[in-house]
Protein backbone atom coordinates (compact mmCIF):
# COMPACT_ATOMS: atom_id res chain seq x y z
CA MET A 1 -0.01 -0.01 -0.02
CA LYS A 2 1.30 3.42 -0.90
CA PHE A 3 1.98 6.00 1.81
CA SER A 4 -0.70 8.31 0.41
CA GLU A 5 -3.28 5.49 0.52
CA LEU A 6 -2.39 4.70 4.08
CA THR A 7 -2.77 8.33 5.21
CA GLU A 8 -6.15 8.64 3.44
CA LYS A 9 -7.35 5.51 5.19
CA VAL A 10 -6.30 6.91 8.57
CA ARG A 11 -8.11 10.21 7.80
CA GLY A 12 -11.16 8.28 6.92
CA LEU A 13 -11.13 6.54 10.24
CA PHE A 14 -11.17 9.75 12.20
CA ARG A 15 -13.19 12.05 9.86
CA ALA A 16 -16.10 13.67 11.59
CA GLY A 17 -18.96 12.44 9.46
CA HIS A 18 -21.64 13.88 11.81
CA HIS A 19 -24.46 13.52 9.22
CA GLN A 20 -23.86 9.84 8.83
CA ALA A 21 -23.68 9.33 12.63
CA ASP A 22 -26.95 11.32 13.07
CA ARG A 23 -28.73 9.13 10.50
CA LEU A 24 -27.47 5.93 12.21
CA SER A 25 -28.48 7.34 15.56
CA ALA A 26 -31.92 8.27 14.35
CA ALA A 27 -32.38 4.83 12.75
CA HIS A 28 -31.28 3.17 15.94
CA ARG A 29 -33.77 5.15 18.02
CA GLU A 30 -36.57 4.45 15.56
CA THR A 31 -35.84 0.72 15.59
CA GLU A 32 -35.64 0.73 19.42
CA ALA A 33 -38.90 2.56 19.73
CA HIS A 34 -40.56 -0.01 17.42
CA HIS A 35 -39.26 -2.88 19.58
CA ASP A 36 -40.42 -1.16 22.72
CA GLN A 37 -44.00 -1.09 21.45
CA ARG A 38 -43.98 -4.88 20.91
CA ASN A 39 -45.64 -7.17 23.39
CA THR A 40 -43.72 -9.40 25.72
CA VAL A 41 -42.20 -12.50 23.93
CA GLU A 42 -42.33 -16.03 25.39
CA ILE A 43 -39.39 -18.34 24.55
CA ARG A 44 -39.68 -22.09 25.23
CA ILE A 45 -36.88 -24.74 25.00
CA PRO A 46 -38.65 -28.10 24.50
CA SER A 47 -35.60 -30.24 25.25
CA THR A 48 -35.26 -28.76 28.81
CA GLY A 49 -38.72 -27.43 29.32
CA GLU A 50 -37.27 -23.99 30.23
CA ARG A 51 -39.50 -20.97 29.60
CA PHE A 52 -38.28 -17.36 29.28
CA ILE A 53 -40.21 -14.08 29.06
CA HIS A 54 -38.71 -11.08 27.39
CA ASP A 55 -40.24 -7.70 28.22
CA PRO A 56 -38.89 -4.76 26.07
CA SER A 57 -39.83 -2.25 28.78
CA LEU A 58 -37.17 -3.80 31.01
CA SER A 59 -34.39 -3.39 28.38
CA GLN A 60 -31.29 -1.57 29.49
CA SER A 61 -30.57 -0.22 26.00
CA GLY A 62 -31.02 3.34 27.05
CA ASP A 63 -28.39 3.02 29.78
CA ILE A 64 -26.06 1.28 27.34
CA ARG A 65 -26.42 4.06 24.74
CA GLN A 66 -25.76 6.69 27.42
CA ALA A 67 -22.64 4.86 28.51
CA ILE A 68 -21.41 4.78 24.88
CA ASP A 69 -22.11 8.51 24.43
CA GLU A 70 -20.24 9.26 27.61
CA LYS A 71 -17.19 7.17 26.58
CA ASP A 72 -14.01 9.34 26.76
CA VAL A 73 -13.02 9.08 23.06
CA ASP A 74 -11.48 12.16 21.43
CA ALA A 75 -11.41 11.76 17.61
CA ASP A 76 -8.90 14.64 17.21
CA ASP A 77 -6.49 13.15 19.72
CA ALA A 78 -6.77 9.71 18.10
CA TYR A 79 -6.15 11.20 14.65
CA ALA A 80 -3.12 13.14 15.90
CA GLN A 81 -1.70 9.97 17.42
CA HIS A 82 -2.00 8.12 14.12
CA VAL A 83 -0.39 10.97 12.20
CA ALA A 84 2.53 10.92 14.63
CA TRP A 85 2.67 7.08 14.12
CA LEU A 86 2.75 7.53 10.31
CA GLU A 87 5.52 10.19 10.61
CA ARG A 88 7.49 8.02 12.94
CA ASN A 89 7.29 5.02 10.54
CA ALA A 90 8.31 7.20 7.61
CA ALA A 91 11.35 8.53 9.58
CA GLU A 92 12.31 4.96 10.49
CA ALA A 93 12.13 3.88 6.87
CA LEU A 94 14.46 6.72 5.84
CA ALA A 95 16.89 5.79 8.62
CA ARG A 96 16.97 2.26 7.15
CA TRP A 97 17.83 3.51 3.73
CA ASN A 98 21.10 1.83 2.65
CA GLY A 99 22.24 4.55 0.30
CA ILE A 100 22.36 2.30 -2.75
CA SER A 101 19.58 3.79 -4.82
CA VAL A 102 17.51 6.94 -4.30
CA ARG A 103 14.69 5.28 -6.16
CA ASP A 104 14.08 3.26 -2.94
CA ILE A 105 13.13 6.44 -1.04
CA ASP A 106 9.37 6.84 -0.62
CA THR A 107 8.88 10.52 -1.61
CA GLU A 108 5.11 10.39 -1.03
CA ALA A 109 5.84 10.83 2.72
CA PHE A 110 7.43 14.18 1.99
CA HIS A 111 4.08 15.57 0.81
CA GLU A 112 2.69 14.89 4.26
CA PHE A 113 5.86 15.57 6.31
CA SER A 114 8.13 18.05 4.61
CA ASN A 115 10.52 17.97 7.62
CA LEU A 116 11.61 14.54 6.58
CA GLU A 117 13.19 15.96 3.46
CA SER A 118 16.14 17.01 5.58
CA HIS A 119 16.43 13.64 7.36
CA PRO A 120 20.03 13.06 8.55
CA ALA A 121 20.25 9.75 6.66
CA LEU A 122 19.64 11.64 3.36
CA GLN A 123 21.69 14.72 4.14
CA ALA A 124 24.68 12.68 5.04
CA THR A 125 24.98 11.77 1.34
CA VAL A 126 24.91 15.41 0.17
CA PRO A 127 27.95 17.77 0.58
CA SER A 128 27.16 20.53 3.10
CA ALA A 129 27.63 23.20 0.38
CA ALA A 130 24.87 21.62 -1.69
CA ARG A 131 22.25 21.07 1.02
CA GLN A 132 20.62 24.50 0.82
CA GLU A 133 17.70 25.47 -1.34
CA PHE A 134 18.82 27.17 -4.57
CA TRP A 135 16.40 29.64 -6.25
CA ASP A 136 16.59 30.32 -9.95
CA PRO A 137 18.34 33.71 -10.24
CA PHE A 138 16.88 34.32 -13.75
CA PRO A 139 13.27 33.17 -13.83
CA ARG A 140 11.64 33.20 -17.29
CA GLN A 141 8.46 34.68 -15.90
CA ASP A 142 8.23 37.46 -13.34
CA ASP A 143 5.25 35.90 -11.56
CA ARG A 144 6.62 32.38 -11.52
CA ARG A 145 9.78 31.27 -9.70
CA SER A 146 11.26 27.95 -8.78
CA SER A 147 13.89 26.45 -6.51
CA LEU A 148 16.02 23.30 -6.53
CA THR A 149 17.10 21.21 -3.54
CA LEU A 150 19.30 18.14 -3.51
CA LEU A 151 17.84 15.66 -0.98
CA ALA A 152 20.03 12.63 -1.46
CA ILE A 153 22.79 11.11 -3.62
CA ASP A 154 23.14 7.38 -4.03
CA GLN A 155 25.96 5.02 -4.79
CA LYS A 156 24.74 4.39 -8.34
CA GLY A 157 25.42 8.02 -9.38
CA GLU A 158 21.79 9.30 -9.21
CA VAL A 159 20.36 12.22 -7.29
CA LEU A 160 16.97 12.80 -5.65
CA VAL A 161 15.94 16.39 -6.42
CA LYS A 162 13.08 18.50 -5.16
CA TRP A 163 11.56 21.09 -7.45
CA PHE A 164 9.55 23.81 -5.71
CA THR A 165 7.49 26.25 -7.73
CA VAL A 166 5.61 29.44 -6.68
CA ASP A 167 3.06 30.98 -9.01
CA ASP A 168 2.15 34.47 -7.79
CA ARG A 169 -0.45 35.01 -10.47
CA LEU A 170 -2.43 31.95 -9.38
CA ASP A 171 -1.44 32.35 -5.78
CA ALA A 172 -0.34 28.77 -5.68
CA GLU A 173 2.75 26.67 -4.93
CA GLY A 174 3.77 23.02 -5.26
CA GLN A 175 6.63 20.65 -5.30
CA SER A 176 7.77 17.53 -7.16
CA TYR A 177 10.49 14.92 -6.69
CA ASN A 178 12.63 13.67 -9.49
CA VAL A 179 15.62 11.32 -9.93
CA MET A 180 18.39 12.42 -12.29
CA PRO A 181 22.12 11.61 -13.01
CA ILE A 182 24.75 13.45 -10.96
CA GLU A 183 26.11 15.21 -14.08
CA GLU A 184 22.63 16.71 -14.81
CA ALA A 185 22.11 17.75 -11.14
CA SER A 186 25.54 19.43 -11.05
CA LYS A 187 24.72 21.44 -14.24
CA LEU A 188 21.33 22.51 -12.81
CA LEU A 189 22.87 23.52 -9.52
CA GLN A 190 25.28 25.84 -11.33
CA GLU A 191 22.40 27.35 -13.23
CA TYR A 192 20.71 27.96 -9.97
CA GLY A 193 23.70 29.72 -8.44
CA ALA A 194 25.72 27.01 -6.81
CA SER A 195 29.49 27.11 -6.83
CA ARG A 196 31.11 25.75 -9.98
CA GLY A 197 33.68 23.93 -7.95
CA LEU A 198 30.99 21.82 -6.20
CA ASP A 199 31.82 18.17 -6.53
CA LEU A 200 28.93 15.69 -6.25
CA ASP A 201 30.74 12.66 -7.77
CA SER A 202 32.13 11.42 -4.47
CA ALA A 203 29.10 12.42 -2.31
CA GLY A 204 27.19 9.15 -3.00
CA ALA A 205 29.80 7.18 -1.16
CA LEU A 206 28.76 8.71 2.05
CA SER A 207 26.41 6.68 4.24
CA ILE A 208 25.62 6.19 7.88
CA GLU A 209 28.23 3.49 8.01
CA SER A 210 30.96 5.61 6.45
CA ILE A 211 30.48 8.69 8.59
CA PRO A 212 33.35 9.09 11.09
CA ALA A 213 32.08 8.46 14.61
CA GLN A 214 33.60 9.07 17.97
CA ALA A 215 32.75 8.17 21.52
CA PRO A 216 31.05 10.75 23.80
CA ALA A 217 33.05 12.48 26.51
CA ILE A 218 32.04 12.55 30.18
CA GLY A 219 30.52 15.89 31.10
CA ALA A 220 29.86 16.81 27.48
CA THR A 221 26.55 17.80 25.81
CA TYR A 222 25.74 16.95 22.21
CA ARG A 223 22.93 18.34 20.05
CA GLY A 224 21.95 16.86 16.73
CA ALA A 225 19.65 14.42 14.94
CA ILE A 226 19.59 10.73 15.66
CA LEU A 227 20.97 9.02 12.51
CA ALA A 228 20.54 5.39 13.32
CA VAL A 229 20.23 2.73 16.07
CA GLU A 230 22.39 -0.26 15.20
CA ASN A 231 24.11 -3.02 17.07
CA GLY A 232 23.50 -1.45 20.53
CA THR A 233 24.73 1.94 19.47
CA VAL A 234 22.83 5.23 18.89
CA TYR A 235 24.44 7.38 16.24
CA GLN A 236 23.90 11.10 16.55
CA MET A 237 24.92 13.80 14.06
CA ALA A 238 26.75 16.22 16.25
CA HIS A 239 29.08 18.00 13.88
CA GLN A 240 29.41 18.40 10.10
CA ASP A 241 29.93 14.91 8.64
CA THR A 242 30.82 13.54 12.09
CA ALA A 243 28.70 11.37 14.39
CA ILE A 244 28.71 10.55 18.10
CA ALA A 245 28.38 6.87 18.93
CA HIS A 246 26.42 6.56 22.15
CA LYS A 247 26.25 3.11 23.76
CA LEU A 248 22.58 2.22 24.11
CA ASP A 249 23.09 0.59 27.52
CA LYS A 250 24.53 3.81 28.77
CA LEU A 251 21.53 5.97 27.85
CA ALA A 252 18.65 6.52 30.26
CA ILE A 253 15.94 5.99 27.60
CA GLN A 254 13.59 3.38 26.27
CA SER A 255 12.68 2.73 22.59
CA PRO A 256 15.39 4.90 21.08
CA GLU A 257 13.88 4.23 17.62
CA GLN A 258 11.20 6.85 18.41
CA TYR A 259 13.91 9.57 18.15
CA LEU A 260 15.16 8.55 14.68
CA GLY A 261 15.56 11.65 12.50
CA LYS A 262 14.69 14.02 15.40
CA GLU A 263 16.90 16.68 16.94
CA VAL A 264 17.82 15.77 20.48
CA GLU A 265 20.26 16.77 23.23
CA ILE A 266 22.32 14.06 24.86
CA SER A 267 24.29 15.01 27.94
CA TYR A 268 26.58 13.17 30.40
CA PRO A 269 26.39 15.26 33.57
CA CYS A 270 26.75 12.26 35.92
CA GLY A 271 29.61 10.13 34.74
CA GLN A 272 28.85 7.68 31.92
CA VAL A 273 25.08 7.78 31.99
CA GLY A 274 23.66 9.78 29.05
CA LEU A 275 20.39 11.74 29.41
CA LEU A 276 18.42 12.33 26.26
CA ARG A 277 16.00 15.20 25.67
CA GLN A 278 14.13 16.04 22.46
CA LEU A 279 14.58 19.72 21.40
CA ASP A 280 11.60 21.85 20.49
CA GLY A 281 11.29 24.34 17.69
CA ASN A 282 12.41 27.40 19.71
CA GLU A 283 15.54 25.58 20.94
CA LEU A 284 16.38 24.54 17.42
CA MET A 285 16.11 28.18 16.12
CA HIS A 286 18.20 29.45 19.02
CA ALA A 287 20.83 26.80 18.43
CA GLN A 288 20.93 27.54 14.66
CA HIS A 289 21.27 31.24 15.36
CA GLY A 290 24.17 30.62 17.81
CA LEU A 291 25.90 28.35 15.26
CA GLU A 292 25.58 31.00 12.53
CA SER A 293 26.92 33.67 14.86
CA ALA A 294 29.88 31.49 15.81
CA ARG A 295 30.69 30.83 12.14
CA ARG A 296 30.40 34.57 11.35
CA ASP A 297 32.73 35.50 14.23
CA HIS A 298 35.24 32.83 13.14
CA SER A 299 35.27 34.17 9.54
CA LEU A 300 35.88 37.65 10.88
CA GLU A 301 38.82 36.49 12.96
CA ARG A 302 40.34 34.84 9.87
């Protein structure tokens, strides 16, 4: 089943549909009223000689219906939980991508969860200088502009590219995902303003397994996305093209797979026990601002 079909099924499960529920409820009440007007029914079992009398007036259906109506079920909460489950499954699938072919990446998930486009498992295959969104500096139409983003490069020499188009005249925007050879992607990047010295040929060799990893230091704090959970080790992208290998049995967490692709903070304030905390949006913006300021100060010093 495709990802889009799965999400549509989930939406259907939790869609309001009040008019249908009202019809069913009305039909139920009408049927119940009809049964209540019936006379008592005598039921005999010849083999045992037992005799039962059913009186509709003694039915507890009203109490049962009231109990169902009062059941604490929030459709919005249930839908939100299923959406989170879909996003988590999509992130885990990206984390399991082996880097061999970008054609194995399910791009339908990106339409629902655009944040997964920058999943660490994908970005690890793209040079840092090519990860940004490049806008066409010379659009053919003044009211229509487009951008190009490299999402992943595989080991077969192909690139997964995102096209994003904005049409001001129609007040619309949209995106598409395409696979193309590295040579074609390099040419397009240069047309969209990327550096002519950008080399994409060796980028596809990058994978989670090939990223340099180092052990955490006692007393240190690391911020970055969780790349993978393999062989009792949690890999976190802490620096550019460098990962921190946290031993799972040293982390005070359960089900580390739930953090795949998410930005977290792992600290070791008390010896070798690592504490994990997921970062919210404000903390990520603050951290990114601090990183940009540090880079700017460093360039001024040079």
